[in-house]
Each structure stands twice: as C-alpha cells, then as structure tokens.
Amino acid sequence: MKTQLTLPSPAKLNLFLHINGRLPNGYHELQTLFHFLDYGDELSFALQENDSIDLTCNIKELEDKDNLIIKAINALKRYLDDDFPYRGLKIHLHKVLPMGGGVGGGSSNAATTLLALNVLWQLNLPQQQLIDIGNKLGADVPIFIKGQSAIAEGTGEIFTPYQVPEKYYLVLTPSTHVNTALLFSSEDLPRNTAKLDNDSIVYQGITPDFCNDFETLVYKRYPAVAKALDWLLEYAPARMTGTGACVFAEFENEKQAQEVYNLLPVELSGFVAKGSNISSTHLKLNELIR
C-alpha cells in the first residue's frame, strides 16, 4: 500500500476553441482541441494517521479552503459512503502555472488530486466516475482526468481522442486576470461557428482554418493580452488558449522556441514546453503501476 505520492500537474492548451451556439439552459456549446504540455505544477501527497487535510504551497495565499485541491477532496468524500475510513493527508503544491491563464492550472490540480487519492485511498474508482466528480468542479477538470489529447464537444464533456503532432510551444503569461463570466455574457462574443466533423479534422498547426472565438474580444478588452499576442505574432503564428490570458506559438523544435523566448522583453514572461498527447500525470501513474 502506498502512503505517499508525488505527481506532476501539467498545463494544457486549447489548440482551437470554437463556440457553436448557446443551449436553452444558457450554457454554450463548444468544440475544442485539448493538448497537454510537459510543464506544470507538482503535487505531493502523504497519508497521515488522523483525518486532517493539511495543504501547504509555495504561494501562501493558495493555502485555503477555496483551493480546487480542497474542493476536489471534499467532492470525493461526499461521493463516498459516510462511513468510508479515509485517512488524512499532508499535501504540498508547488505552483508555477499562472492562475486564471487559460492553461488549466487549478483544474489540473483538482484532477491530479482525484487521481492520486484513487490510489492512496485504494478506491479503484473507474475513470468515468472520477470524471463525473470532476465535472462538478470545473469544465476543464475532466480532460485532465481523461489524460489524453482530445476533441471536446457539448459543454466540454464529450471527448474524441485525437493525436496531435508533438511540437514545442512558447507560452506567454500576461499578468492579468480575464473574467470568463463577462466574456460569456458579452453580446460581442461569436456564437455561431460551424461545427466541424471530427473525422475530417486535420490539425496542422496555427492556421486560419481554426481559431479561438474568445480571442478578438479578449484582445480588445485586455491590453496586456494584446501586447503579448502582438509581440509573439512578430515571430510566428500565435493564438490565445482558453479564455486567456495566456497566448502561444508553435515551433518544430526546442531550439527555435528557445531562440524566440530569449528575445522576450523584460515586461513579458513565459515558458517553453513540449506538447504531449498523454498527460504527464498519467505517464507517472503508469510508471508506478508497472
């Protein structure tokens, strides 16, 4: 029986993000291509004899009950029988991903927590049950539980696996927080992008055939995002991920990505990472199972 576990909690990119319409319940129908990066946070878990859940983090303000890690644990406990003899946990989060940047940092943390506790608490819950729990925590949590690049449809809960050529990415991280709720409520948001046939999608990088329907609106409202995108476009085709604020460009190799990164002006920040069709969380778990 494992008593401790350390797992990566990776970033994701939306290689495209189309809004196909608005549903009667007010939610939006989306189509997006999720792809993982080999860069992200790290979560360490250790069982303890009492039932206390203790979270520490290199960023102190994240050590509170509103952290998605704590919310994921509470959601899992509610799902289990009241008399389930779960053990307490000491958890440490090493946070490097930007918060609210469109790279899935909090959602990745929540999913990694559910996957880790499925092992440490010896739950043996099937993946779909973890996805059902994760879906209540946030729209991006299920893809991190799924753990493989995929086209997502509906409100983001219907997945079709999709193999993406694994390239290198330069991701810029503007220091601004985009209000997703305001974007979804805006009359200026495009909501009628034609739905693509999944079988006919051939993703060949950042081309006009695919777009992020939030990008134009965010560009107009958030100068920091506009500045980062304009700078990156001088060197390569670029796009925003999620609802922002992060933007990215794709490169054939690490050397090309690093050369552009080295030109970053001091007022911009970012990182270079390789794309991966399998989440690093799942790669690590698969190593441990062998």
Protein backbone atom coordinates (compact mmCIF):
# COMPACT_ATOMS: atom_id res chain seq x y z
CA MET A 1 0.00 0.00 0.00
CA LYS A 2 1.36 3.40 -1.00
CA THR A 3 1.44 6.04 1.74
CA GLN A 4 2.84 8.90 -0.33
CA LEU A 5 2.79 10.01 -3.91
CA THR A 6 4.25 12.90 -5.92
CA LEU A 7 2.71 13.70 -9.29
CA PRO A 8 3.10 16.36 -11.97
CA SER A 9 0.05 18.54 -12.61
CA PRO A 10 0.53 19.72 -16.20
CA ALA A 11 -0.71 22.61 -18.30
CA LYS A 12 -2.98 22.24 -21.29
CA LEU A 13 -3.55 24.27 -24.43
CA ASN A 14 -6.72 24.76 -26.44
CA LEU A 15 -5.25 24.47 -29.93
CA PHE A 16 -8.56 25.81 -31.20
CA LEU A 17 -11.76 26.83 -29.41
CA HIS A 18 -15.00 27.31 -31.32
CA ILE A 19 -18.38 28.34 -29.93
CA ASN A 20 -21.12 26.56 -31.88
CA GLY A 21 -24.17 28.00 -30.15
CA ARG A 22 -25.99 28.68 -26.91
CA LEU A 23 -28.09 25.95 -25.32
CA PRO A 24 -31.58 26.55 -23.81
CA ASN A 25 -30.10 26.28 -20.29
CA GLY A 26 -27.76 29.20 -21.01
CA TYR A 27 -24.61 27.11 -21.38
CA HIS A 28 -22.58 27.36 -24.56
CA GLU A 29 -21.93 24.53 -26.99
CA LEU A 30 -18.21 24.31 -27.70
CA GLN A 31 -15.75 22.41 -29.84
CA THR A 32 -12.10 22.47 -28.84
CA LEU A 33 -8.87 20.51 -29.21
CA PHE A 34 -7.08 19.89 -25.91
CA HIS A 35 -3.36 19.17 -25.88
CA PHE A 36 -1.04 18.75 -22.88
CA LEU A 37 2.34 20.30 -22.12
CA ASP A 38 5.28 18.73 -20.30
CA TYR A 39 5.32 21.73 -17.95
CA GLY A 40 3.27 22.43 -14.86
CA ASP A 41 2.81 22.29 -11.12
CA GLU A 42 3.80 19.44 -8.81
CA LEU A 43 1.64 17.91 -6.07
CA SER A 44 2.94 15.76 -3.20
CA PHE A 45 0.57 13.71 -1.04
CA ALA A 46 1.30 11.82 2.18
CA LEU A 47 -1.19 9.88 4.29
CA GLN A 48 -1.36 10.72 7.99
CA GLU A 49 -2.95 8.84 10.89
CA ASN A 50 -5.58 11.45 11.76
CA ASP A 51 -8.32 12.66 9.43
CA SER A 52 -6.92 16.17 8.95
CA ILE A 53 -6.35 17.59 5.46
CA ASP A 54 -3.33 19.93 5.55
CA LEU A 55 -2.37 21.89 2.43
CA THR A 56 0.85 23.87 2.02
CA CYS A 57 2.01 25.77 -1.05
CA ASN A 58 4.96 27.86 -2.18
CA ILE A 59 2.36 30.64 -2.72
CA LYS A 60 0.86 31.12 0.74
CA GLU A 61 -2.43 32.68 -0.39
CA LEU A 62 -3.36 29.40 -2.09
CA GLU A 63 -3.41 27.55 1.24
CA ASP A 64 -7.14 27.96 1.84
CA LYS A 65 -10.41 26.05 1.62
CA ASP A 66 -11.29 27.66 -1.72
CA ASN A 67 -8.37 25.94 -3.43
CA LEU A 68 -9.64 23.44 -6.02
CA ILE A 69 -7.46 20.78 -4.39
CA ILE A 70 -9.50 21.03 -1.18
CA LYS A 71 -12.74 21.25 -3.16
CA ALA A 72 -11.78 18.08 -5.06
CA ILE A 73 -11.12 16.21 -1.80
CA ASN A 74 -14.44 17.35 -0.34
CA ALA A 75 -16.29 16.36 -3.52
CA LEU A 76 -14.69 12.92 -3.40
CA LYS A 77 -15.58 12.48 0.28
CA ARG A 78 -19.21 13.43 -0.45
CA TYR A 79 -19.27 10.85 -3.23
CA LEU A 80 -18.01 8.09 -0.92
CA ASP A 81 -20.12 6.45 1.77
CA ASP A 82 -20.22 8.39 5.03
CA ASP A 83 -18.54 5.52 6.84
CA PHE A 84 -15.61 5.27 4.40
CA PRO A 85 -12.48 5.17 6.60
CA TYR A 86 -10.42 7.69 4.65
CA ARG A 87 -7.11 8.82 6.13
CA GLY A 88 -5.95 12.39 6.46
CA LEU A 89 -3.44 13.94 4.11
CA LYS A 90 -0.50 16.26 4.05
CA ILE A 91 -0.41 17.92 0.64
CA HIS A 92 2.17 20.26 -0.83
CA LEU A 93 1.52 22.19 -4.04
CA HIS A 94 4.47 23.66 -5.90
CA LYS A 95 2.74 26.22 -8.12
CA VAL A 96 4.38 27.51 -11.29
CA LEU A 97 1.41 27.79 -13.66
CA PRO A 98 -0.34 31.17 -13.87
CA MET A 99 -3.72 31.38 -12.17
CA GLY A 100 -6.64 32.13 -14.49
CA GLY A 101 -4.40 31.99 -17.55
CA GLY A 102 -6.28 29.51 -19.72
CA VAL A 103 -3.72 26.72 -19.24
CA GLY A 104 -5.86 24.81 -16.74
CA GLY A 105 -3.74 25.19 -13.61
CA GLY A 106 -6.47 24.85 -10.98
CA SER A 107 -8.37 22.24 -12.99
CA SER A 108 -5.19 20.22 -13.43
CA ASN A 109 -4.56 20.37 -9.66
CA ALA A 110 -8.11 19.13 -8.95
CA ALA A 111 -7.81 16.25 -11.41
CA THR A 112 -4.37 15.25 -10.13
CA THR A 113 -5.79 15.20 -6.60
CA LEU A 114 -8.65 12.88 -7.59
CA LEU A 115 -6.26 10.57 -9.45
CA ALA A 116 -3.82 10.50 -6.53
CA LEU A 117 -6.47 9.74 -3.91
CA ASN A 118 -7.90 6.98 -6.06
CA VAL A 119 -4.51 5.31 -5.50
CA LEU A 120 -3.67 6.35 -1.92
CA TRP A 121 -7.15 5.64 -0.54
CA GLN A 122 -7.30 2.42 -2.63
CA LEU A 123 -10.67 3.38 -4.08
CA ASN A 124 -10.27 1.76 -7.52
CA LEU A 125 -12.96 4.03 -8.94
CA PRO A 126 -13.29 3.77 -12.74
CA GLN A 127 -12.22 6.78 -14.76
CA GLN A 128 -15.78 7.78 -15.68
CA GLN A 129 -16.76 8.10 -12.02
CA LEU A 130 -13.79 10.38 -11.40
CA ILE A 131 -14.81 12.41 -14.46
CA ASP A 132 -18.37 12.75 -13.10
CA ILE A 133 -16.95 14.07 -9.81
CA GLY A 134 -14.52 16.36 -11.61
CA ASN A 135 -17.16 17.79 -13.93
CA LYS A 136 -18.86 19.43 -10.95
CA LEU A 137 -15.60 21.18 -10.04
CA GLY A 138 -14.93 22.81 -13.40
CA ALA A 139 -15.34 22.33 -17.14
CA ASP A 140 -11.63 21.60 -17.71
CA VAL A 141 -11.21 19.05 -14.91
CA PRO A 142 -12.48 16.04 -16.94
CA ILE A 143 -9.84 16.34 -19.69
CA PHE A 144 -7.07 16.13 -17.09
CA ILE A 145 -8.69 13.01 -15.63
CA LYS A 146 -9.04 11.60 -19.16
CA GLY A 147 -5.35 12.28 -19.68
CA GLN A 148 -5.07 12.21 -23.46
CA SER A 149 -5.34 14.83 -26.19
CA ALA A 150 -8.88 15.00 -27.46
CA ILE A 151 -11.51 17.00 -29.28
CA ALA A 152 -14.14 18.05 -26.74
CA GLU A 153 -17.73 18.88 -27.65
CA GLY A 154 -21.01 19.76 -25.99
CA THR A 155 -20.21 21.84 -22.93
CA GLY A 156 -16.77 20.24 -22.93
CA GLU A 157 -17.72 16.82 -21.58
CA ILE A 158 -17.82 14.70 -24.77
CA PHE A 159 -14.35 13.53 -25.83
CA THR A 160 -12.96 12.06 -29.03
CA PRO A 161 -9.27 11.08 -28.73
CA TYR A 162 -7.07 12.93 -31.22
CA GLN A 163 -3.34 12.52 -31.85
CA VAL A 164 -1.60 15.87 -32.27
CA PRO A 165 1.91 16.16 -33.74
CA GLU A 166 4.04 16.79 -30.64
CA LYS A 167 5.73 20.15 -31.26
CA TYR A 168 7.31 22.75 -28.97
CA TYR A 169 5.45 25.78 -27.68
CA LEU A 170 6.39 29.20 -26.40
CA VAL A 171 3.65 30.28 -24.00
CA LEU A 172 3.45 33.90 -22.83
CA THR A 173 1.79 34.59 -19.48
CA PRO A 174 0.41 38.16 -19.29
CA SER A 175 -0.04 39.32 -15.71
CA THR A 176 -3.76 39.98 -15.98
CA HIS A 177 -6.86 38.02 -14.98
CA VAL A 178 -9.56 37.54 -17.61
CA ASN A 179 -13.15 37.46 -16.32
CA THR A 180 -14.58 34.41 -18.08
CA ALA A 181 -18.17 35.05 -16.95
CA LEU A 182 -18.14 38.52 -18.52
CA LEU A 183 -16.86 37.09 -21.79
CA PHE A 184 -19.63 34.50 -21.97
CA SER A 185 -22.27 37.18 -21.28
CA SER A 186 -20.93 39.63 -23.87
CA GLU A 187 -23.07 40.40 -26.90
CA ASP A 188 -19.85 40.73 -28.92
CA LEU A 189 -18.87 37.08 -28.43
CA PRO A 190 -19.22 34.99 -31.64
CA ARG A 191 -21.60 32.10 -31.03
CA ASN A 192 -22.25 30.60 -34.45
CA THR A 193 -19.02 29.00 -35.63
CA ALA A 194 -19.94 25.99 -37.76
CA LYS A 195 -19.34 22.68 -36.04
CA LEU A 196 -16.59 20.60 -37.63
CA ASP A 197 -16.89 16.91 -38.41
CA ASN A 198 -14.40 15.29 -36.04
CA ASP A 199 -13.43 12.67 -38.62
CA SER A 200 -12.45 15.38 -41.10
CA ILE A 201 -10.34 17.50 -38.71
CA VAL A 202 -6.69 17.56 -39.71
CA TYR A 203 -4.88 19.87 -37.31
CA GLN A 204 -1.76 21.26 -38.97
CA GLY A 205 -0.77 24.00 -36.57
CA ILE A 206 -1.99 27.55 -36.08
CA THR A 207 -3.80 28.26 -39.35
CA PRO A 208 -6.88 30.33 -40.33
CA ASP A 209 -8.93 27.11 -40.55
CA PHE A 210 -9.07 27.05 -36.75
CA CYS A 211 -9.40 29.90 -34.27
CA ASN A 212 -10.21 30.84 -30.70
CA ASP A 213 -13.59 32.56 -30.71
CA PHE A 214 -12.75 34.41 -27.48
CA GLU A 215 -9.53 35.91 -28.80
CA THR A 216 -10.83 39.05 -30.56
CA LEU A 217 -12.97 40.05 -27.58
CA VAL A 218 -10.15 39.49 -25.07
CA TYR A 219 -7.70 41.33 -27.34
CA LYS A 220 -9.97 44.41 -27.30
CA ARG A 221 -10.61 44.38 -23.55
CA TYR A 222 -7.27 43.32 -22.08
CA PRO A 223 -4.27 45.39 -23.26
CA ALA A 224 -1.76 43.02 -21.60
CA VAL A 225 -3.05 40.13 -23.72
CA ALA A 226 -3.00 42.27 -26.86
CA LYS A 227 0.60 43.29 -26.16
CA ALA A 228 1.76 39.69 -25.65
CA LEU A 229 -0.07 38.45 -28.75
CA ASP A 230 1.25 41.27 -30.93
CA TRP A 231 4.82 40.58 -29.81
CA LEU A 232 4.56 36.84 -30.43
CA LEU A 233 3.00 37.35 -33.86
CA GLU A 234 6.19 39.08 -34.98
CA TYR A 235 7.96 35.72 -34.80
CA ALA A 236 5.35 33.02 -35.51
CA PRO A 237 1.62 32.41 -35.90
CA ALA A 238 0.11 32.72 -32.43
CA ARG A 239 -3.16 32.12 -30.62
CA MET A 240 -4.78 32.53 -27.22
CA THR A 241 -5.57 29.44 -25.14
CA GLY A 242 -8.87 29.01 -23.33
CA THR A 243 -10.44 32.32 -22.37
CA GLY A 244 -6.98 33.79 -21.78
CA ALA A 245 -4.83 35.36 -20.72
CA CYS A 246 -2.01 33.09 -21.99
CA VAL A 247 -1.04 33.08 -25.67
CA PHE A 248 1.16 30.61 -27.51
CA ALA A 249 3.12 29.92 -30.68
CA GLU A 250 4.16 26.56 -32.08
CA PHE A 251 7.68 25.56 -33.20
CA GLU A 252 9.16 22.48 -34.86
CA ASN A 253 11.89 22.07 -32.26
CA GLU A 254 13.04 23.31 -28.87
CA LYS A 255 15.90 25.36 -30.31
CA GLN A 256 13.53 27.51 -32.38
CA ALA A 257 11.19 28.08 -29.43
CA GLN A 258 14.07 28.91 -27.10
CA GLU A 259 15.57 31.40 -29.55
CA VAL A 260 12.34 33.41 -29.58
CA TYR A 261 11.98 33.07 -25.81
CA ASN A 262 15.46 34.57 -25.40
CA LEU A 263 14.22 37.70 -27.20
CA LEU A 264 11.41 38.33 -24.69
CA PRO A 265 11.39 41.92 -23.43
CA VAL A 266 11.66 42.28 -19.65
CA GLU A 267 7.99 43.25 -19.29
CA LEU A 268 6.80 39.93 -20.76
CA SER A 269 7.11 36.48 -19.19
CA GLY A 270 6.58 32.95 -20.41
CA PHE A 271 7.97 29.45 -20.77
CA VAL A 272 8.94 26.86 -23.38
CA ALA A 273 7.36 23.39 -23.24
CA LYS A 274 6.87 20.34 -25.41
CA GLY A 275 3.41 19.17 -26.38
CA SER A 276 2.31 15.72 -25.26
CA ASN A 277 -0.63 13.56 -26.26
CA ILE A 278 -0.59 11.92 -22.83
CA SER A 279 -0.77 13.91 -19.61
CA SER A 280 2.41 13.72 -17.52
CA THR A 281 0.20 12.80 -14.55
CA HIS A 282 -0.89 9.65 -16.35
CA LEU A 283 2.61 8.88 -17.58
CA LYS A 284 3.84 8.98 -13.98
CA LEU A 285 0.95 6.87 -12.68
CA ASN A 286 1.59 4.30 -15.41
CA GLU A 287 5.24 4.11 -14.32
CA LEU A 288 4.19 3.44 -10.73
CA ILE A 289 1.75 0.71 -11.74
CA ARG A 290 4.37 -1.23 -13.75
